[in-house]
Amino acid sequence: MAYVICEPCVGVKATKCVEVCPVDAIHPRPDEPGHKEAEQLFIDPNTCISCGACAAVCPANAIYAEEEVPAKWKSYIAKNAEHYK
């Protein structure tokens, strides 16, 4: 299962997770178009290898393994996936 970025990232967009992701699954990166306008970062569920490196460094505690996403943030599973369609 992939990791998911949830509500605590909204408005924060800390990029430590982008820096540690070994497969470049988190976007938009600061050097990409749309980063400034995006309200949060997103993890591509098809690219994520579920290593957990991103969750370990997230200062907002916004990243969870898909099966561990708190009930109040379950909608972020689809929101992350939709970003990559």
PDB file of N, CA and C in Angstrom:
ATOM      1  N   MET A   1       0.833  -1.192   0.000  1.00  0.00           N
ATOM      2  CA  MET A   1       0.000   0.000   0.000  1.00  0.00           C
ATOM      3  C   MET A   1       0.875   1.251   0.000  1.00  0.00           C
ATOM      4  N   ALA A   2       0.418   2.268  -0.637  1.00  0.00           N
ATOM      5  CA  ALA A   2       1.144   3.533  -0.735  1.00  0.00           C
ATOM      6  C   ALA A   2       0.951   4.381   0.521  1.00  0.00           C
ATOM      7  N   TYR A   3       1.783   5.364   0.635  1.00  0.00           N
ATOM      8  CA  TYR A   3       1.617   6.359   1.694  1.00  0.00           C
ATOM      9  C   TYR A   3       0.736   7.485   1.162  1.00  0.00           C
ATOM     10  N   VAL A   4       0.104   8.215   2.081  1.00  0.00           N
ATOM     11  CA  VAL A   4      -0.862   9.251   1.736  1.00  0.00           C
ATOM     12  C   VAL A   4      -0.553  10.511   2.543  1.00  0.00           C
ATOM     13  N   ILE A   5      -0.592  11.659   1.884  1.00  0.00           N
ATOM     14  CA  ILE A   5      -0.424  12.932   2.581  1.00  0.00           C
ATOM     15  C   ILE A   5      -1.813  13.460   2.936  1.00  0.00           C
ATOM     16  N   CYS A   6      -2.000  13.769   4.217  1.00  0.00           N
ATOM     17  CA  CYS A   6      -3.315  14.163   4.723  1.00  0.00           C
ATOM     18  C   CYS A   6      -3.373  15.647   5.126  1.00  0.00           C
ATOM     19  N   GLU A   7      -4.476  16.031   5.717  1.00  0.00           N
ATOM     20  CA  GLU A   7      -4.813  17.419   6.020  1.00  0.00           C
ATOM     21  C   GLU A   7      -3.724  18.258   6.705  1.00  0.00           C
ATOM     22  N   PRO A   8      -2.928  17.714   7.623  1.00  0.00           N
ATOM     23  CA  PRO A   8      -1.925  18.574   8.258  1.00  0.00           C
ATOM     24  C   PRO A   8      -0.927  19.218   7.276  1.00  0.00           C
ATOM     25  N   CYS A   9      -0.846  18.720   6.066  1.00  0.00           N
ATOM     26  CA  CYS A   9       0.046  19.299   5.055  1.00  0.00           C
ATOM     27  C   CYS A   9      -0.559  20.546   4.411  1.00  0.00           C
ATOM     28  N   VAL A  10      -1.871  20.665   4.455  1.00  0.00           N
ATOM     29  CA  VAL A  10      -2.540  21.783   3.798  1.00  0.00           C
ATOM     30  C   VAL A  10      -2.000  23.102   4.335  1.00  0.00           C
ATOM     31  N   GLY A  11      -1.496  23.910   3.420  1.00  0.00           N
ATOM     32  CA  GLY A  11      -0.949  25.205   3.778  1.00  0.00           C
ATOM     33  C   GLY A  11       0.478  25.163   4.295  1.00  0.00           C
ATOM     34  N   VAL A  12       1.004  23.962   4.544  1.00  0.00           N
ATOM     35  CA  VAL A  12       2.351  23.818   5.092  1.00  0.00           C
ATOM     36  C   VAL A  12       3.354  23.507   3.986  1.00  0.00           C
ATOM     37  N   LYS A  13       3.096  22.450   3.248  1.00  0.00           N
ATOM     38  CA  LYS A  13       3.932  21.993   2.132  1.00  0.00           C
ATOM     39  C   LYS A  13       5.419  21.921   2.486  1.00  0.00           C
ATOM     40  N   ALA A  14       5.744  21.399   3.655  1.00  0.00           N
ATOM     41  CA  ALA A  14       7.148  21.180   4.017  1.00  0.00           C
ATOM     42  C   ALA A  14       7.721  20.170   3.025  1.00  0.00           C
ATOM     43  N   THR A  15       8.912  20.385   2.548  1.00  0.00           N
ATOM     44  CA  THR A  15       9.424  19.548   1.453  1.00  0.00           C
ATOM     45  C   THR A  15      10.499  18.547   1.872  1.00  0.00           C
ATOM     46  N   LYS A  16      10.661  18.305   3.151  1.00  0.00           N
ATOM     47  CA  LYS A  16      11.619  17.283   3.578  1.00  0.00           C
ATOM     48  C   LYS A  16      11.246  15.928   2.979  1.00  0.00           C
ATOM     49  N   CYS A  17       9.951  15.661   2.852  1.00  0.00           N
ATOM     50  CA  CYS A  17       9.502  14.387   2.280  1.00  0.00           C
ATOM     51  C   CYS A  17       9.948  14.248   0.829  1.00  0.00           C
ATOM     52  N   VAL A  18       9.895  15.335   0.098  1.00  0.00           N
ATOM     53  CA  VAL A  18      10.319  15.327  -1.315  1.00  0.00           C
ATOM     54  C   VAL A  18      11.799  14.978  -1.391  1.00  0.00           C
ATOM     55  N   GLU A  19      12.578  15.545  -0.496  1.00  0.00           N
ATOM     56  CA  GLU A  19      14.033  15.341  -0.499  1.00  0.00           C
ATOM     57  C   GLU A  19      14.429  13.899  -0.212  1.00  0.00           C
ATOM     58  N   VAL A  20      13.663  13.192   0.622  1.00  0.00           N
ATOM     59  CA  VAL A  20      14.052  11.831   1.008  1.00  0.00           C
ATOM     60  C   VAL A  20      13.394  10.731   0.181  1.00  0.00           C
ATOM     61  N   CYS A  21      12.417  11.064  -0.623  1.00  0.00           N
ATOM     62  CA  CYS A  21      11.723  10.028  -1.406  1.00  0.00           C
ATOM     63  C   CYS A  21      12.673   9.435  -2.451  1.00  0.00           C
ATOM     64  N   PRO A  22      12.940   8.127  -2.366  1.00  0.00           N
ATOM     65  CA  PRO A  22      13.891   7.517  -3.293  1.00  0.00           C
ATOM     66  C   PRO A  22      13.354   7.298  -4.707  1.00  0.00           C
ATOM     67  N   VAL A  23      12.046   7.450  -4.899  1.00  0.00           N
ATOM     68  CA  VAL A  23      11.460   7.190  -6.217  1.00  0.00           C
ATOM     69  C   VAL A  23      10.739   8.404  -6.809  1.00  0.00           C
ATOM     70  N   ASP A  24      10.944   9.576  -6.235  1.00  0.00           N
ATOM     71  CA  ASP A  24      10.354  10.821  -6.743  1.00  0.00           C
ATOM     72  C   ASP A  24       8.835  10.714  -6.889  1.00  0.00           C
ATOM     73  N   ALA A  25       8.175  10.238  -5.825  1.00  0.00           N
ATOM     74  CA  ALA A  25       6.727  10.034  -5.864  1.00  0.00           C
ATOM     75  C   ALA A  25       5.925  11.208  -5.317  1.00  0.00           C
ATOM     76  N   ILE A  26       6.596  12.239  -4.774  1.00  0.00           N
ATOM     77  CA  ILE A  26       5.886  13.330  -4.110  1.00  0.00           C
ATOM     78  C   ILE A  26       6.000  14.605  -4.933  1.00  0.00           C
ATOM     79  N   HIS A  27       4.820  15.172  -5.227  1.00  0.00           N
ATOM     80  CA  HIS A  27       4.762  16.362  -6.080  1.00  0.00           C
ATOM     81  C   HIS A  27       3.639  17.282  -5.615  1.00  0.00           C
ATOM     82  N   PRO A  28       3.614  18.523  -6.013  1.00  0.00           N
ATOM     83  CA  PRO A  28       4.610  19.200  -6.821  1.00  0.00           C
ATOM     84  C   PRO A  28       5.827  19.599  -5.983  1.00  0.00           C
ATOM     85  N   ARG A  29       7.010  19.310  -6.541  1.00  0.00           N
ATOM     86  CA  ARG A  29       8.263  19.731  -5.915  1.00  0.00           C
ATOM     87  C   ARG A  29       8.376  21.248  -6.018  1.00  0.00           C
ATOM     88  N   PRO A  30       9.204  21.860  -5.176  1.00  0.00           N
ATOM     89  CA  PRO A  30       9.351  23.315  -5.225  1.00  0.00           C
ATOM     90  C   PRO A  30       9.806  23.855  -6.581  1.00  0.00           C
ATOM     91  N   ASP A  31      10.511  23.045  -7.365  1.00  0.00           N
ATOM     92  CA  ASP A  31      10.996  23.491  -8.668  1.00  0.00           C
ATOM     93  C   ASP A  31      10.030  23.179  -9.814  1.00  0.00           C
ATOM     94  N   GLU A  32       8.848  22.683  -9.500  1.00  0.00           N
ATOM     95  CA  GLU A  32       7.858  22.336 -10.512  1.00  0.00           C
ATOM     96  C   GLU A  32       6.765  23.398 -10.629  1.00  0.00           C
ATOM     97  N   PRO A  33       6.214  23.535 -11.833  1.00  0.00           N
ATOM     98  CA  PRO A  33       5.066  24.440 -11.992  1.00  0.00           C
ATOM     99  C   PRO A  33       3.920  23.982 -11.088  1.00  0.00           C
ATOM    100  N   GLY A  34       3.235  24.921 -10.527  1.00  0.00           N
ATOM    101  CA  GLY A  34       2.082  24.602  -9.692  1.00  0.00           C
ATOM    102  C   GLY A  34       2.394  24.425  -8.221  1.00  0.00           C
ATOM    103  N   HIS A  35       3.666  24.394  -7.858  1.00  0.00           N
ATOM    104  CA  HIS A  35       3.996  24.195  -6.436  1.00  0.00           C
ATOM    105  C   HIS A  35       3.437  25.334  -5.582  1.00  0.00           C
ATOM    106  N   LYS A  36       3.661  26.539  -6.024  1.00  0.00           N
ATOM    107  CA  LYS A  36       3.228  27.698  -5.238  1.00  0.00           C
ATOM    108  C   LYS A  36       1.707  27.722  -5.069  1.00  0.00           C
ATOM    109  N   GLU A  37       0.973  27.319  -6.092  1.00  0.00           N
ATOM    110  CA  GLU A  37      -0.488  27.355  -6.071  1.00  0.00           C
ATOM    111  C   GLU A  37      -1.119  26.155  -5.349  1.00  0.00           C
ATOM    112  N   ALA A  38      -0.406  25.049  -5.280  1.00  0.00           N
ATOM    113  CA  ALA A  38      -0.953  23.837  -4.651  1.00  0.00           C
ATOM    114  C   ALA A  38      -1.158  24.069  -3.160  1.00  0.00           C
ATOM    115  N   GLU A  39      -2.255  23.546  -2.634  1.00  0.00           N
ATOM    116  CA  GLU A  39      -2.500  23.725  -1.207  1.00  0.00           C
ATOM    117  C   GLU A  39      -1.754  22.706  -0.365  1.00  0.00           C
ATOM    118  N   GLN A  40      -1.318  21.609  -0.994  1.00  0.00           N
ATOM    119  CA  GLN A  40      -0.585  20.565  -0.287  1.00  0.00           C
ATOM    120  C   GLN A  40       0.254  19.770  -1.279  1.00  0.00           C
ATOM    121  N   LEU A  41       1.071  18.864  -0.770  1.00  0.00           N
ATOM    122  CA  LEU A  41       1.824  17.942  -1.615  1.00  0.00           C
ATOM    123  C   LEU A  41       1.024  16.644  -1.730  1.00  0.00           C
ATOM    124  N   PHE A  42       1.364  15.837  -2.737  1.00  0.00           N
ATOM    125  CA  PHE A  42       0.643  14.594  -2.994  1.00  0.00           C
ATOM    126  C   PHE A  42       1.624  13.471  -3.291  1.00  0.00           C
ATOM    127  N   ILE A  43       1.270  12.252  -2.907  1.00  0.00           N
ATOM    128  CA  ILE A  43       2.084  11.073  -3.194  1.00  0.00           C
ATOM    129  C   ILE A  43       1.395  10.262  -4.280  1.00  0.00           C
ATOM    130  N   ASP A  44       2.149   9.945  -5.325  1.00  0.00           N
ATOM    131  CA  ASP A  44       1.630   9.133  -6.424  1.00  0.00           C
ATOM    132  C   ASP A  44       1.538   7.681  -5.944  1.00  0.00           C
ATOM    133  N   PRO A  45       0.330   7.126  -5.825  1.00  0.00           N
ATOM    134  CA  PRO A  45       0.183   5.761  -5.314  1.00  0.00           C
ATOM    135  C   PRO A  45       0.764   4.698  -6.241  1.00  0.00           C
ATOM    136  N   ASN A  46       0.953   5.036  -7.508  1.00  0.00           N
ATOM    137  CA  ASN A  46       1.522   4.072  -8.452  1.00  0.00           C
ATOM    138  C   ASN A  46       3.040   4.075  -8.443  1.00  0.00           C
ATOM    139  N   THR A  47       3.640   5.111  -7.892  1.00  0.00           N
ATOM    140  CA  THR A  47       5.095   5.224  -7.839  1.00  0.00           C
ATOM    141  C   THR A  47       5.635   4.898  -6.451  1.00  0.00           C
ATOM    142  N   CYS A  48       4.866   5.202  -5.416  1.00  0.00           N
ATOM    143  CA  CYS A  48       5.287   4.996  -4.028  1.00  0.00           C
ATOM    144  C   CYS A  48       5.652   3.530  -3.787  1.00  0.00           C
ATOM    145  N   ILE A  49       6.803   3.308  -3.131  1.00  0.00           N
ATOM    146  CA  ILE A  49       7.239   1.946  -2.820  1.00  0.00           C
ATOM    147  C   ILE A  49       7.011   1.598  -1.343  1.00  0.00           C
ATOM    148  N   SER A  50       6.286   2.445  -0.636  1.00  0.00           N
ATOM    149  CA  SER A  50       5.905   2.215   0.764  1.00  0.00           C
ATOM    150  C   SER A  50       7.102   2.041   1.687  1.00  0.00           C
ATOM    151  N   CYS A  51       8.148   2.823   1.456  1.00  0.00           N
ATOM    152  CA  CYS A  51       9.337   2.707   2.299  1.00  0.00           C
ATOM    153  C   CYS A  51       9.184   3.435   3.627  1.00  0.00           C
ATOM    154  N   GLY A  52       8.308   4.454   3.673  1.00  0.00           N
ATOM    155  CA  GLY A  52       8.070   5.188   4.904  1.00  0.00           C
ATOM    156  C   GLY A  52       9.057   6.307   5.192  1.00  0.00           C
ATOM    157  N   ALA A  53      10.023   6.522   4.312  1.00  0.00           N
ATOM    158  CA  ALA A  53      11.013   7.585   4.537  1.00  0.00           C
ATOM    159  C   ALA A  53      10.345   8.943   4.670  1.00  0.00           C
ATOM    160  N   CYS A  54       9.324   9.197   3.885  1.00  0.00           N
ATOM    161  CA  CYS A  54       8.628  10.483   3.908  1.00  0.00           C
ATOM    162  C   CYS A  54       7.930  10.716   5.240  1.00  0.00           C
ATOM    163  N   ALA A  55       7.254   9.707   5.742  1.00  0.00           N
ATOM    164  CA  ALA A  55       6.521   9.836   7.003  1.00  0.00           C
ATOM    165  C   ALA A  55       7.468  10.122   8.158  1.00  0.00           C
ATOM    166  N   ALA A  56       8.648   9.537   8.105  1.00  0.00           N
ATOM    167  CA  ALA A  56       9.615   9.703   9.191  1.00  0.00           C
ATOM    168  C   ALA A  56      10.133  11.132   9.315  1.00  0.00           C
ATOM    169  N   VAL A  57      10.131  11.890   8.217  1.00  0.00           N
ATOM    170  CA  VAL A  57      10.691  13.250   8.257  1.00  0.00           C
ATOM    171  C   VAL A  57       9.645  14.356   8.188  1.00  0.00           C
ATOM    172  N   CYS A  58       8.380  14.018   8.057  1.00  0.00           N
ATOM    173  CA  CYS A  58       7.338  15.035   7.908  1.00  0.00           C
ATOM    174  C   CYS A  58       7.148  15.821   9.206  1.00  0.00           C
ATOM    175  N   PRO A  59       7.457  17.126   9.201  1.00  0.00           N
ATOM    176  CA  PRO A  59       7.312  17.912  10.422  1.00  0.00           C
ATOM    177  C   PRO A  59       5.859  18.162  10.822  1.00  0.00           C
ATOM    178  N   ALA A  60       4.934  17.979   9.887  1.00  0.00           N
ATOM    179  CA  ALA A  60       3.516  18.190  10.170  1.00  0.00           C
ATOM    180  C   ALA A  60       2.796  16.909  10.572  1.00  0.00           C
ATOM    181  N   ASN A  61       3.512  15.775  10.556  1.00  0.00           N
ATOM    182  CA  ASN A  61       2.899  14.471  10.845  1.00  0.00           C
ATOM    183  C   ASN A  61       1.666  14.258   9.969  1.00  0.00           C
ATOM    184  N   ALA A  62       1.835  14.524   8.674  1.00  0.00           N
ATOM    185  CA  ALA A  62       0.719  14.466   7.734  1.00  0.00           C
ATOM    186  C   ALA A  62       0.718  13.214   6.866  1.00  0.00           C
ATOM    187  N   ILE A  63       1.727  12.362   6.987  1.00  0.00           N
ATOM    188  CA  ILE A  63       1.878  11.235   6.070  1.00  0.00           C
ATOM    189  C   ILE A  63       1.651   9.917   6.798  1.00  0.00           C
ATOM    190  N   TYR A  64       0.768   9.114   6.203  1.00  0.00           N
ATOM    191  CA  TYR A  64       0.401   7.825   6.787  1.00  0.00           C
ATOM    192  C   TYR A  64       0.402   6.736   5.722  1.00  0.00           C
ATOM    193  N   ALA A  65       0.696   5.506   6.147  1.00  0.00           N
ATOM    194  CA  ALA A  65       0.477   4.360   5.270  1.00  0.00           C
ATOM    195  C   ALA A  65      -1.022   4.325   4.991  1.00  0.00           C
ATOM    196  N   GLU A  66      -1.391   3.976   3.775  1.00  0.00           N
ATOM    197  CA  GLU A  66      -2.804   4.023   3.382  1.00  0.00           C
ATOM    198  C   GLU A  66      -3.714   3.316   4.373  1.00  0.00           C
ATOM    199  N   GLU A  67      -3.301   2.169   4.865  1.00  0.00           N
ATOM    200  CA  GLU A  67      -4.147   1.411   5.782  1.00  0.00           C
ATOM    201  C   GLU A  67      -4.184   2.013   7.188  1.00  0.00           C
ATOM    202  N   GLU A  68      -3.346   3.017   7.457  1.00  0.00           N
ATOM    203  CA  GLU A  68      -3.306   3.654   8.770  1.00  0.00           C
ATOM    204  C   GLU A  68      -3.838   5.096   8.767  1.00  0.00           C
ATOM    205  N   VAL A  69      -4.368   5.550   7.638  1.00  0.00           N
ATOM    206  CA  VAL A  69      -4.911   6.908   7.565  1.00  0.00           C
ATOM    207  C   VAL A  69      -6.080   7.012   8.559  1.00  0.00           C
ATOM    208  N   PRO A  70      -6.041   8.015   9.447  1.00  0.00           N
ATOM    209  CA  PRO A  70      -7.149   8.178  10.399  1.00  0.00           C
ATOM    210  C   PRO A  70      -8.493   8.348   9.672  1.00  0.00           C
ATOM    211  N   ALA A  71      -9.540   7.857  10.260  1.00  0.00           N
ATOM    212  CA  ALA A  71     -10.874   7.891   9.650  1.00  0.00           C
ATOM    213  C   ALA A  71     -11.259   9.286   9.174  1.00  0.00           C
ATOM    214  N   LYS A  72     -10.920  10.314   9.950  1.00  0.00           N
ATOM    215  CA  LYS A  72     -11.307  11.677   9.588  1.00  0.00           C
ATOM    216  C   LYS A  72     -10.606  12.184   8.335  1.00  0.00           C
ATOM    217  N   TRP A  73      -9.540  11.491   7.879  1.00  0.00           N
ATOM    218  CA  TRP A  73      -8.797  11.921   6.696  1.00  0.00           C
ATOM    219  C   TRP A  73      -8.827  10.887   5.565  1.00  0.00           C
ATOM    220  N   LYS A  74      -9.718   9.920   5.626  1.00  0.00           N
ATOM    221  CA  LYS A  74      -9.796   8.878   4.591  1.00  0.00           C
ATOM    222  C   LYS A  74      -9.989   9.467   3.195  1.00  0.00           C
ATOM    223  N   SER A  75     -10.628  10.625   3.094  1.00  0.00           N
ATOM    224  CA  SER A  75     -10.861  11.238   1.780  1.00  0.00           C
ATOM    225  C   SER A  75      -9.546  11.629   1.095  1.00  0.00           C
ATOM    226  N   TYR A  76      -8.479  11.752   1.862  1.00  0.00           N
ATOM    227  CA  TYR A  76      -7.186  12.123   1.288  1.00  0.00           C
ATOM    228  C   TYR A  76      -6.561  10.982   0.488  1.00  0.00           C
ATOM    229  N   ILE A  77      -7.007   9.757   0.695  1.00  0.00           N
ATOM    230  CA  ILE A  77      -6.524   8.640  -0.119  1.00  0.00           C
ATOM    231  C   ILE A  77      -6.910   8.895  -1.574  1.00  0.00           C
ATOM    232  N   ALA A  78      -8.177   9.203  -1.806  1.00  0.00           N
ATOM    233  CA  ALA A  78      -8.641   9.503  -3.168  1.00  0.00           C
ATOM    234  C   ALA A  78      -8.070  10.809  -3.679  1.00  0.00           C
ATOM    235  N   LYS A  79      -7.930  11.788  -2.796  1.00  0.00           N
ATOM    236  CA  LYS A  79      -7.404  13.101  -3.206  1.00  0.00           C
ATOM    237  C   LYS A  79      -5.975  12.965  -3.735  1.00  0.00           C
ATOM    238  N   ASN A  80      -5.142  12.163  -3.077  1.00  0.00           N
ATOM    239  CA  ASN A  80      -3.777  11.943  -3.565  1.00  0.00           C
ATOM    240  C   ASN A  80      -3.801  11.237  -4.913  1.00  0.00           C
ATOM    241  N   ALA A  81      -4.610  10.208  -5.044  1.00  0.00           N
ATOM    242  CA  ALA A  81      -4.698   9.456  -6.300  1.00  0.00           C
ATOM    243  C   ALA A  81      -5.215  10.332  -7.437  1.00  0.00           C
ATOM    244  N   GLU A  82      -6.224  11.147  -7.157  1.00  0.00           N
ATOM    245  CA  GLU A  82      -6.817  12.020  -8.180  1.00  0.00           C
ATOM    246  C   GLU A  82      -5.815  13.025  -8.736  1.00  0.00           C
ATOM    247  N   HIS A  83      -4.904  13.466  -7.895  1.00  0.00           N
ATOM    248  CA  HIS A  83      -3.900  14.432  -8.333  1.00  0.00           C
ATOM    249  C   HIS A  83      -3.068  13.880  -9.496  1.00  0.00           C
ATOM    250  N   TYR A  84      -2.943  12.574  -9.576  1.00  0.00           N
ATOM    251  CA  TYR A  84      -2.098  11.944 -10.605  1.00  0.00           C
ATOM    252  C   TYR A  84      -2.870  11.402 -11.794  1.00  0.00           C
ATOM    253  N   LYS A  85      -4.164  11.659 -11.878  1.00  0.00           N
ATOM    254  CA  LYS A  85      -4.950  11.204 -13.039  1.00  0.00           C
ATOM    255  C   LYS A  85      -4.914  12.222 -14.133  1.00  0.00           C
TER     256      LYS A  85
END
